Amino acid sequence: MLDKLVGLAMLIVATTVFLYYTTWTLLMPFVDSDHPLHAYFPPRVWAIRIPVILILIGSAIVGSFLGVVMIRSNRKKAAKARAADKGKKKA
């Protein structure tokens, strides 16, 4: 049951962020600049900066994770190869 609640919360947050960003980038350019609705949105330059920053951070995290996994995998393979070489030398 908890997983369904978490999933519902994530869906609501994602929908809210999507609607806010869509309104900000697609609808606000057509609203007069002196309209009070502009007070709820940051400057338009951030409509590009925020996704670029998030993509760069996400790529760095994924790349770091893959690097760590590859390094650990190579260490395990090297340890198995060393153990196999020691086993052959004794026999």
PDB file of N, CA and C in Angstrom:
ATOM      1  N   MET A   1       0.814  -1.196   0.000  1.00  0.00           N
ATOM      2  CA  MET A   1       0.000   0.000   0.000  1.00  0.00           C
ATOM      3  C   MET A   1       0.859   1.262   0.000  1.00  0.00           C
ATOM      4  N   LEU A   2       1.968   1.197   0.743  1.00  0.00           N
ATOM      5  CA  LEU A   2       2.847   2.358   0.820  1.00  0.00           C
ATOM      6  C   LEU A   2       3.454   2.685  -0.540  1.00  0.00           C
ATOM      7  N   ASP A   3       3.771   1.630  -1.315  1.00  0.00           N
ATOM      8  CA  ASP A   3       4.354   1.877  -2.630  1.00  0.00           C
ATOM      9  C   ASP A   3       3.376   2.591  -3.561  1.00  0.00           C
ATOM     10  N   LYS A   4       2.082   2.304  -3.415  1.00  0.00           N
ATOM     11  CA  LYS A   4       1.077   2.990  -4.231  1.00  0.00           C
ATOM     12  C   LYS A   4       0.959   4.456  -3.839  1.00  0.00           C
ATOM     13  N   LEU A   5       1.061   4.738  -2.543  1.00  0.00           N
ATOM     14  CA  LEU A   5       1.013   6.125  -2.083  1.00  0.00           C
ATOM     15  C   LEU A   5       2.232   6.909  -2.560  1.00  0.00           C
ATOM     16  N   VAL A   6       3.386   6.282  -2.495  1.00  0.00           N
ATOM     17  CA  VAL A   6       4.601   6.929  -2.972  1.00  0.00           C
ATOM     18  C   VAL A   6       4.507   7.171  -4.478  1.00  0.00           C
ATOM     19  N   GLY A   7       4.010   6.186  -5.207  1.00  0.00           N
ATOM     20  CA  GLY A   7       3.832   6.348  -6.647  1.00  0.00           C
ATOM     21  C   GLY A   7       2.849   7.455  -6.984  1.00  0.00           C
ATOM     22  N   LEU A   8       1.763   7.531  -6.231  1.00  0.00           N
ATOM     23  CA  LEU A   8       0.781   8.594  -6.444  1.00  0.00           C
ATOM     24  C   LEU A   8       1.387   9.966  -6.144  1.00  0.00           C
ATOM     25  N   ALA A   9       2.155  10.049  -5.064  1.00  0.00           N
ATOM     26  CA  ALA A   9       2.809  11.316  -4.724  1.00  0.00           C
ATOM     27  C   ALA A   9       3.796  11.734  -5.817  1.00  0.00           C
ATOM     28  N   MET A  10       4.553  10.777  -6.319  1.00  0.00           N
ATOM     29  CA  MET A  10       5.503  11.086  -7.390  1.00  0.00           C
ATOM     30  C   MET A  10       4.780  11.532  -8.657  1.00  0.00           C
ATOM     31  N   LEU A  11       3.656  10.899  -8.956  1.00  0.00           N
ATOM     32  CA  LEU A  11       2.862  11.283 -10.124  1.00  0.00           C
ATOM     33  C   LEU A  11       2.305  12.692  -9.977  1.00  0.00           C
ATOM     34  N   ILE A  12       1.825  13.016  -8.802  1.00  0.00           N
ATOM     35  CA  ILE A  12       1.285  14.361  -8.560  1.00  0.00           C
ATOM     36  C   ILE A  12       2.391  15.412  -8.676  1.00  0.00           C
ATOM     37  N   VAL A  13       3.551  15.138  -8.089  1.00  0.00           N
ATOM     38  CA  VAL A  13       4.666  16.086  -8.177  1.00  0.00           C
ATOM     39  C   VAL A  13       5.104  16.258  -9.628  1.00  0.00           C
ATOM     40  N   ALA A  14       5.245  15.160 -10.363  1.00  0.00           N
ATOM     41  CA  ALA A  14       5.672  15.240 -11.760  1.00  0.00           C
ATOM     42  C   ALA A  14       4.659  16.006 -12.609  1.00  0.00           C
ATOM     43  N   THR A  15       3.385  15.778 -12.381  1.00  0.00           N
ATOM     44  CA  THR A  15       2.347  16.487 -13.128  1.00  0.00           C
ATOM     45  C   THR A  15       2.364  17.979 -12.804  1.00  0.00           C
ATOM     46  N   THR A  16       2.537  18.307 -11.534  1.00  0.00           N
ATOM     47  CA  THR A  16       2.590  19.710 -11.130  1.00  0.00           C
ATOM     48  C   THR A  16       3.790  20.423 -11.761  1.00  0.00           C
ATOM     49  N   VAL A  17       4.947  19.780 -11.696  1.00  0.00           N
ATOM     50  CA  VAL A  17       6.151  20.382 -12.296  1.00  0.00           C
ATOM     51  C   VAL A  17       5.972  20.544 -13.800  1.00  0.00           C
ATOM     52  N   PHE A  18       5.413  19.544 -14.448  1.00  0.00           N
ATOM     53  CA  PHE A  18       5.188  19.622 -15.892  1.00  0.00           C
ATOM     54  C   PHE A  18       4.248  20.766 -16.253  1.00  0.00           C
ATOM     55  N   LEU A  19       3.134  20.889 -15.538  1.00  0.00           N
ATOM     56  CA  LEU A  19       2.180  21.954 -15.828  1.00  0.00           C
ATOM     57  C   LEU A  19       2.767  23.336 -15.551  1.00  0.00           C
ATOM     58  N   TYR A  20       3.510  23.469 -14.460  1.00  0.00           N
ATOM     59  CA  TYR A  20       4.140  24.750 -14.129  1.00  0.00           C
ATOM     60  C   TYR A  20       5.148  25.145 -15.212  1.00  0.00           C
ATOM     61  N   TYR A  21       6.015  24.200 -15.578  1.00  0.00           N
ATOM     62  CA  TYR A  21       7.043  24.494 -16.587  1.00  0.00           C
ATOM     63  C   TYR A  21       6.409  24.785 -17.947  1.00  0.00           C
ATOM     64  N   THR A  22       5.392  24.038 -18.312  1.00  0.00           N
ATOM     65  CA  THR A  22       4.717  24.272 -19.591  1.00  0.00           C
ATOM     66  C   THR A  22       4.054  25.644 -19.613  1.00  0.00           C
ATOM     67  N   THR A  23       3.397  25.998 -18.524  1.00  0.00           N
ATOM     68  CA  THR A  23       2.778  27.320 -18.444  1.00  0.00           C
ATOM     69  C   THR A  23       3.837  28.412 -18.539  1.00  0.00           C
ATOM     70  N   TRP A  24       4.924  28.219 -17.831  1.00  0.00           N
ATOM     71  CA  TRP A  24       6.011  29.199 -17.800  1.00  0.00           C
ATOM     72  C   TRP A  24       6.624  29.402 -19.180  1.00  0.00           C
ATOM     73  N   THR A  25       6.912  28.311 -19.886  1.00  0.00           N
ATOM     74  CA  THR A  25       7.637  28.429 -21.151  1.00  0.00           C
ATOM     75  C   THR A  25       6.744  28.659 -22.358  1.00  0.00           C
ATOM     76  N   LEU A  26       5.535  28.128 -22.345  1.00  0.00           N
ATOM     77  CA  LEU A  26       4.701  28.218 -23.544  1.00  0.00           C
ATOM     78  C   LEU A  26       3.599  29.273 -23.468  1.00  0.00           C
ATOM     79  N   LEU A  27       3.083  29.538 -22.289  1.00  0.00           N
ATOM     80  CA  LEU A  27       1.966  30.478 -22.188  1.00  0.00           C
ATOM     81  C   LEU A  27       2.369  31.876 -21.720  1.00  0.00           C
ATOM     82  N   MET A  28       3.357  31.958 -20.834  1.00  0.00           N
ATOM     83  CA  MET A  28       3.716  33.258 -20.272  1.00  0.00           C
ATOM     84  C   MET A  28       4.282  34.257 -21.297  1.00  0.00           C
ATOM     85  N   PRO A  29       4.938  33.826 -22.362  1.00  0.00           N
ATOM     86  CA  PRO A  29       5.389  34.828 -23.344  1.00  0.00           C
ATOM     87  C   PRO A  29       4.238  35.607 -23.982  1.00  0.00           C
ATOM     88  N   PHE A  30       3.028  35.069 -23.947  1.00  0.00           N
ATOM     89  CA  PHE A  30       1.883  35.736 -24.549  1.00  0.00           C
ATOM     90  C   PHE A  30       1.108  36.607 -23.565  1.00  0.00           C
ATOM     91  N   VAL A  31       1.538  36.609 -22.303  1.00  0.00           N
ATOM     92  CA  VAL A  31       0.887  37.425 -21.282  1.00  0.00           C
ATOM     93  C   VAL A  31       1.663  38.738 -21.162  1.00  0.00           C
ATOM     94  N   ASP A  32       0.950  39.849 -20.994  1.00  0.00           N
ATOM     95  CA  ASP A  32       1.611  41.149 -20.851  1.00  0.00           C
ATOM     96  C   ASP A  32       2.621  41.116 -19.717  1.00  0.00           C
ATOM     97  N   SER A  33       3.741  41.797 -19.901  1.00  0.00           N
ATOM     98  CA  SER A  33       4.821  41.749 -18.912  1.00  0.00           C
ATOM     99  C   SER A  33       4.457  42.454 -17.607  1.00  0.00           C
ATOM    100  N   ASP A  34       3.471  43.327 -17.606  1.00  0.00           N
ATOM    101  CA  ASP A  34       3.070  43.990 -16.366  1.00  0.00           C
ATOM    102  C   ASP A  34       1.930  43.256 -15.645  1.00  0.00           C
ATOM    103  N   HIS A  35       1.544  42.112 -16.155  1.00  0.00           N
ATOM    104  CA  HIS A  35       0.483  41.321 -15.531  1.00  0.00           C
ATOM    105  C   HIS A  35       0.991  40.719 -14.219  1.00  0.00           C
ATOM    106  N   PRO A  36       0.167  40.684 -13.172  1.00  0.00           N
ATOM    107  CA  PRO A  36       0.616  40.151 -11.870  1.00  0.00           C
ATOM    108  C   PRO A  36       0.957  38.662 -11.898  1.00  0.00           C
ATOM    109  N   LEU A  37       0.520  37.958 -12.902  1.00  0.00           N
ATOM    110  CA  LEU A  37       0.826  36.533 -13.004  1.00  0.00           C
ATOM    111  C   LEU A  37       2.327  36.280 -13.170  1.00  0.00           C
ATOM    112  N   HIS A  38       3.052  37.248 -13.710  1.00  0.00           N
ATOM    113  CA  HIS A  38       4.502  37.098 -13.906  1.00  0.00           C
ATOM    114  C   HIS A  38       5.263  37.007 -12.578  1.00  0.00           C
ATOM    115  N   ALA A  39       4.636  37.421 -11.501  1.00  0.00           N
ATOM    116  CA  ALA A  39       5.296  37.365 -10.193  1.00  0.00           C
ATOM    117  C   ALA A  39       5.494  35.925  -9.718  1.00  0.00           C
ATOM    118  N   TYR A  40       4.761  34.974 -10.278  1.00  0.00           N
ATOM    119  CA  TYR A  40       4.845  33.575  -9.848  1.00  0.00           C
ATOM    120  C   TYR A  40       5.885  32.767 -10.627  1.00  0.00           C
ATOM    121  N   PHE A  41       6.549  33.386 -11.579  1.00  0.00           N
ATOM    122  CA  PHE A  41       7.509  32.679 -12.423  1.00  0.00           C
ATOM    123  C   PHE A  41       8.847  33.400 -12.419  1.00  0.00           C
ATOM    124  N   PRO A  42       9.951  32.642 -12.452  1.00  0.00           N
ATOM    125  CA  PRO A  42      11.272  33.267 -12.539  1.00  0.00           C
ATOM    126  C   PRO A  42      11.500  33.835 -13.946  1.00  0.00           C
ATOM    127  N   PRO A  43      12.610  34.557 -14.146  1.00  0.00           N
ATOM    128  CA  PRO A  43      12.895  35.081 -15.480  1.00  0.00           C
ATOM    129  C   PRO A  43      12.993  33.945 -16.511  1.00  0.00           C
ATOM    130  N   ARG A  44      12.681  34.261 -17.751  1.00  0.00           N
ATOM    131  CA  ARG A  44      12.600  33.236 -18.792  1.00  0.00           C
ATOM    132  C   ARG A  44      13.938  32.585 -19.095  1.00  0.00           C
ATOM    133  N   VAL A  45      15.049  33.278 -18.823  1.00  0.00           N
ATOM    134  CA  VAL A  45      16.356  32.691 -19.101  1.00  0.00           C
ATOM    135  C   VAL A  45      16.557  31.399 -18.299  1.00  0.00           C
ATOM    136  N   TRP A  46      15.914  31.310 -17.146  1.00  0.00           N
ATOM    137  CA  TRP A  46      16.021  30.113 -16.319  1.00  0.00           C
ATOM    138  C   TRP A  46      15.247  28.932 -16.889  1.00  0.00           C
ATOM    139  N   ALA A  47      14.374  29.184 -17.845  1.00  0.00           N
ATOM    140  CA  ALA A  47      13.649  28.088 -18.495  1.00  0.00           C
ATOM    141  C   ALA A  47      14.599  27.198 -19.283  1.00  0.00           C
ATOM    142  N   ILE A  48      15.733  27.741 -19.680  1.00  0.00           N
ATOM    143  CA  ILE A  48      16.756  26.957 -20.370  1.00  0.00           C
ATOM    144  C   ILE A  48      17.833  26.504 -19.388  1.00  0.00           C
ATOM    145  N   ARG A  49      18.238  27.381 -18.497  1.00  0.00           N
ATOM    146  CA  ARG A  49      19.326  27.052 -17.567  1.00  0.00           C
ATOM    147  C   ARG A  49      18.993  25.876 -16.649  1.00  0.00           C
ATOM    148  N   ILE A  50      17.800  25.848 -16.097  1.00  0.00           N
ATOM    149  CA  ILE A  50      17.442  24.793 -15.137  1.00  0.00           C
ATOM    150  C   ILE A  50      17.505  23.401 -15.774  1.00  0.00           C
ATOM    151  N   PRO A  51      16.880  23.161 -16.942  1.00  0.00           N
ATOM    152  CA  PRO A  51      17.001  21.828 -17.536  1.00  0.00           C
ATOM    153  C   PRO A  51      18.441  21.464 -17.920  1.00  0.00           C
ATOM    154  N   VAL A  52      19.207  22.444 -18.397  1.00  0.00           N
ATOM    155  CA  VAL A  52      20.600  22.154 -18.761  1.00  0.00           C
ATOM    156  C   VAL A  52      21.396  21.753 -17.525  1.00  0.00           C
ATOM    157  N   ILE A  53      21.216  22.480 -16.437  1.00  0.00           N
ATOM    158  CA  ILE A  53      21.914  22.147 -15.189  1.00  0.00           C
ATOM    159  C   ILE A  53      21.500  20.758 -14.696  1.00  0.00           C
ATOM    160  N   LEU A  54      20.207  20.458 -14.739  1.00  0.00           N
ATOM    161  CA  LEU A  54      19.739  19.139 -14.290  1.00  0.00           C
ATOM    162  C   LEU A  54      20.287  18.010 -15.164  1.00  0.00           C
ATOM    163  N   ILE A  55      20.355  18.242 -16.473  1.00  0.00           N
ATOM    164  CA  ILE A  55      20.903  17.217 -17.380  1.00  0.00           C
ATOM    165  C   ILE A  55      22.380  17.002 -17.109  1.00  0.00           C
ATOM    166  N   LEU A  56      23.131  18.087 -16.890  1.00  0.00           N
ATOM    167  CA  LEU A  56      24.561  17.952 -16.600  1.00  0.00           C
ATOM    168  C   LEU A  56      24.793  17.217 -15.282  1.00  0.00           C
ATOM    169  N   ILE A  57      24.042  17.566 -14.269  1.00  0.00           N
ATOM    170  CA  ILE A  57      24.193  16.886 -12.975  1.00  0.00           C
ATOM    171  C   ILE A  57      23.801  15.413 -13.088  1.00  0.00           C
ATOM    172  N   GLY A  58      22.690  15.139 -13.760  1.00  0.00           N
ATOM    173  CA  GLY A  58      22.259  13.751 -13.947  1.00  0.00           C
ATOM    174  C   GLY A  58      23.269  12.932 -14.731  1.00  0.00           C
ATOM    175  N   SER A  59      23.836  13.512 -15.787  1.00  0.00           N
ATOM    176  CA  SER A  59      24.847  12.812 -16.580  1.00  0.00           C
ATOM    177  C   SER A  59      26.095  12.541 -15.751  1.00  0.00           C
ATOM    178  N   ALA A  60      26.479  13.498 -14.920  1.00  0.00           N
ATOM    179  CA  ALA A  60      27.648  13.297 -14.060  1.00  0.00           C
ATOM    180  C   ALA A  60      27.401  12.174 -13.054  1.00  0.00           C
ATOM    181  N   ILE A  61      26.208  12.115 -12.497  1.00  0.00           N
ATOM    182  CA  ILE A  61      25.893  11.058 -11.529  1.00  0.00           C
ATOM    183  C   ILE A  61      25.881   9.693 -12.203  1.00  0.00           C
ATOM    184  N   VAL A  62      25.243   9.597 -13.361  1.00  0.00           N
ATOM    185  CA  VAL A  62      25.193   8.317 -14.079  1.00  0.00           C
ATOM    186  C   VAL A  62      26.595   7.899 -14.519  1.00  0.00           C
ATOM    187  N   GLY A  63      27.364   8.848 -15.036  1.00  0.00           N
ATOM    188  CA  GLY A  63      28.734   8.539 -15.455  1.00  0.00           C
ATOM    189  C   GLY A  63      29.604   8.087 -14.297  1.00  0.00           C
ATOM    190  N   SER A  64      29.464   8.741 -13.155  1.00  0.00           N
ATOM    191  CA  SER A  64      30.230   8.337 -11.968  1.00  0.00           C
ATOM    192  C   SER A  64      29.829   6.938 -11.510  1.00  0.00           C
ATOM    193  N   PHE A  65      28.545   6.656 -11.512  1.00  0.00           N
ATOM    194  CA  PHE A  65      28.073   5.329 -11.117  1.00  0.00           C
ATOM    195  C   PHE A  65      28.636   4.256 -12.051  1.00  0.00           C
ATOM    196  N   LEU A  66      28.545   4.509 -13.361  1.00  0.00           N
ATOM    197  CA  LEU A  66      29.078   3.532 -14.317  1.00  0.00           C
ATOM    198  C   LEU A  66      30.582   3.350 -14.152  1.00  0.00           C
ATOM    199  N   GLY A  67      31.295   4.427 -13.899  1.00  0.00           N
ATOM    200  CA  GLY A  67      32.735   4.330 -13.679  1.00  0.00           C
ATOM    201  C   GLY A  67      33.067   3.481 -12.463  1.00  0.00           C
ATOM    202  N   VAL A  68      32.354   3.697 -11.371  1.00  0.00           N
ATOM    203  CA  VAL A  68      32.587   2.916 -10.149  1.00  0.00           C
ATOM    204  C   VAL A  68      32.273   1.445 -10.391  1.00  0.00           C
ATOM    205  N   VAL A  69      31.183   1.156 -11.082  1.00  0.00           N
ATOM    206  CA  VAL A  69      30.819  -0.235 -11.364  1.00  0.00           C
ATOM    207  C   VAL A  69      31.876  -0.893 -12.248  1.00  0.00           C
ATOM    208  N   MET A  70      32.368  -0.189 -13.252  1.00  0.00           N
ATOM    209  CA  MET A  70      33.387  -0.763 -14.139  1.00  0.00           C
ATOM    210  C   MET A  70      34.694  -1.006 -13.394  1.00  0.00           C
ATOM    211  N   ILE A  71      35.081  -0.087 -12.521  1.00  0.00           N
ATOM    212  CA  ILE A  71      36.320  -0.263 -11.750  1.00  0.00           C
ATOM    213  C   ILE A  71      36.190  -1.465 -10.818  1.00  0.00           C
ATOM    214  N   ARG A  72      35.076  -1.588 -10.126  1.00  0.00           N
ATOM    215  CA  ARG A  72      34.883  -2.730  -9.221  1.00  0.00           C
ATOM    216  C   ARG A  72      34.842  -4.045  -9.991  1.00  0.00           C
ATOM    217  N   SER A  73      34.239  -4.038 -11.166  1.00  0.00           N
ATOM    218  CA  SER A  73      34.173  -5.247 -11.983  1.00  0.00           C
ATOM    219  C   SER A  73      35.568  -5.672 -12.426  1.00  0.00           C
ATOM    220  N   ASN A  74      36.383  -4.703 -12.838  1.00  0.00           N
ATOM    221  CA  ASN A  74      37.755  -5.029 -13.250  1.00  0.00           C
ATOM    222  C   ASN A  74      38.581  -5.546 -12.076  1.00  0.00           C
ATOM    223  N   ARG A  75      38.363  -4.988 -10.890  1.00  0.00           N
ATOM    224  CA  ARG A  75      39.098  -5.476  -9.722  1.00  0.00           C
ATOM    225  C   ARG A  75      38.724  -6.920  -9.409  1.00  0.00           C
ATOM    226  N   LYS A  76      37.439  -7.253  -9.518  1.00  0.00           N
ATOM    227  CA  LYS A  76      37.014  -8.632  -9.265  1.00  0.00           C
ATOM    228  C   LYS A  76      37.605  -9.589 -10.296  1.00  0.00           C
ATOM    229  N   LYS A  77      37.609  -9.179 -11.562  1.00  0.00           N
ATOM    230  CA  LYS A  77      38.191 -10.027 -12.606  1.00  0.00           C
ATOM    231  C   LYS A  77      39.683 -10.213 -12.387  1.00  0.00           C
ATOM    232  N   ALA A  78      40.372  -9.153 -11.994  1.00  0.00           N
ATOM    233  CA  ALA A  78      41.813  -9.259 -11.742  1.00  0.00           C
ATOM    234  C   ALA A  78      42.082 -10.170 -10.551  1.00  0.00           C
ATOM    235  N   ALA A  79      41.267 -10.081  -9.508  1.00  0.00           N
ATOM    236  CA  ALA A  79      41.450 -10.941  -8.337  1.00  0.00           C
ATOM    237  C   ALA A  79      41.205 -12.404  -8.703  1.00  0.00           C
ATOM    238  N   LYS A  80      40.200 -12.665  -9.538  1.00  0.00           N
ATOM    239  CA  LYS A  80      39.951 -14.047  -9.970  1.00  0.00           C
ATOM    240  C   LYS A  80      41.096 -14.557 -10.829  1.00  0.00           C
ATOM    241  N   ALA A  81      41.638 -13.704 -11.685  1.00  0.00           N
ATOM    242  CA  ALA A  81      42.757 -14.120 -12.538  1.00  0.00           C
ATOM    243  C   ALA A  81      43.990 -14.422 -11.689  1.00  0.00           C
ATOM    244  N   ARG A  82      44.242 -13.582 -10.673  1.00  0.00           N
ATOM    245  CA  ARG A  82      45.387 -13.832  -9.791  1.00  0.00           C
ATOM    246  C   ARG A  82      45.201 -15.133  -9.019  1.00  0.00           C
ATOM    247  N   ALA A  83      43.976 -15.372  -8.554  1.00  0.00           N
ATOM    248  CA  ALA A  83      43.712 -16.616  -7.812  1.00  0.00           C
ATOM    249  C   ALA A  83      43.873 -17.830  -8.731  1.00  0.00           C
ATOM    250  N   ALA A  84      43.453 -17.705  -9.978  1.00  0.00           N
ATOM    251  CA  ALA A  84      43.606 -18.808 -10.928  1.00  0.00           C
ATOM    252  C   ALA A  84      45.085 -19.046 -11.233  1.00  0.00           C
ATOM    253  N   ASP A  85      45.864 -17.973 -11.350  1.00  0.00           N
ATOM    254  CA  ASP A  85      47.308 -18.128 -11.601  1.00  0.00           C
ATOM    255  C   ASP A  85      48.007 -18.782 -10.420  1.00  0.00           C
ATOM    256  N   LYS A  86      47.635 -18.430  -9.216  1.00  0.00           N
ATOM    257  CA  LYS A  86      48.230 -19.055  -8.034  1.00  0.00           C
ATOM    258  C   LYS A  86      47.868 -20.521  -7.963  1.00  0.00           C
ATOM    259  N   GLY A  87      46.630 -20.854  -8.370  1.00  0.00           N
ATOM    260  CA  GLY A  87      46.190 -22.239  -8.349  1.00  0.00           C
ATOM    261  C   GLY A  87      46.969 -23.065  -9.378  1.00  0.00           C
ATOM    262  N   LYS A  88      47.287 -22.498 -10.520  1.00  0.00           N
ATOM    263  CA  LYS A  88      48.033 -23.201 -11.565  1.00  0.00           C
ATOM    264  C   LYS A  88      49.487 -23.392 -11.155  1.00  0.00           C
ATOM    265  N   LYS A  89      50.061 -22.406 -10.473  1.00  0.00           N
ATOM    266  CA  LYS A  89      51.471 -22.494 -10.058  1.00  0.00           C
ATOM    267  C   LYS A  89      51.676 -23.568  -8.997  1.00  0.00           C
ATOM    268  N   LYS A  90      50.699 -23.750  -8.112  1.00  0.00           N
ATOM    269  CA  LYS A  90      50.808 -24.748  -7.054  1.00  0.00           C
ATOM    270  C   LYS A  90      50.664 -26.152  -7.601  1.00  0.00           C
ATOM    271  N   ALA A  91      49.896 -26.286  -8.656  1.00  0.00           N
ATOM    272  CA  ALA A  91      49.615 -27.627  -9.188  1.00  0.00           C
ATOM    273  C   ALA A  91      50.683 -28.107 -10.090  1.00  0.00           C
TER     274      ALA A  91
END
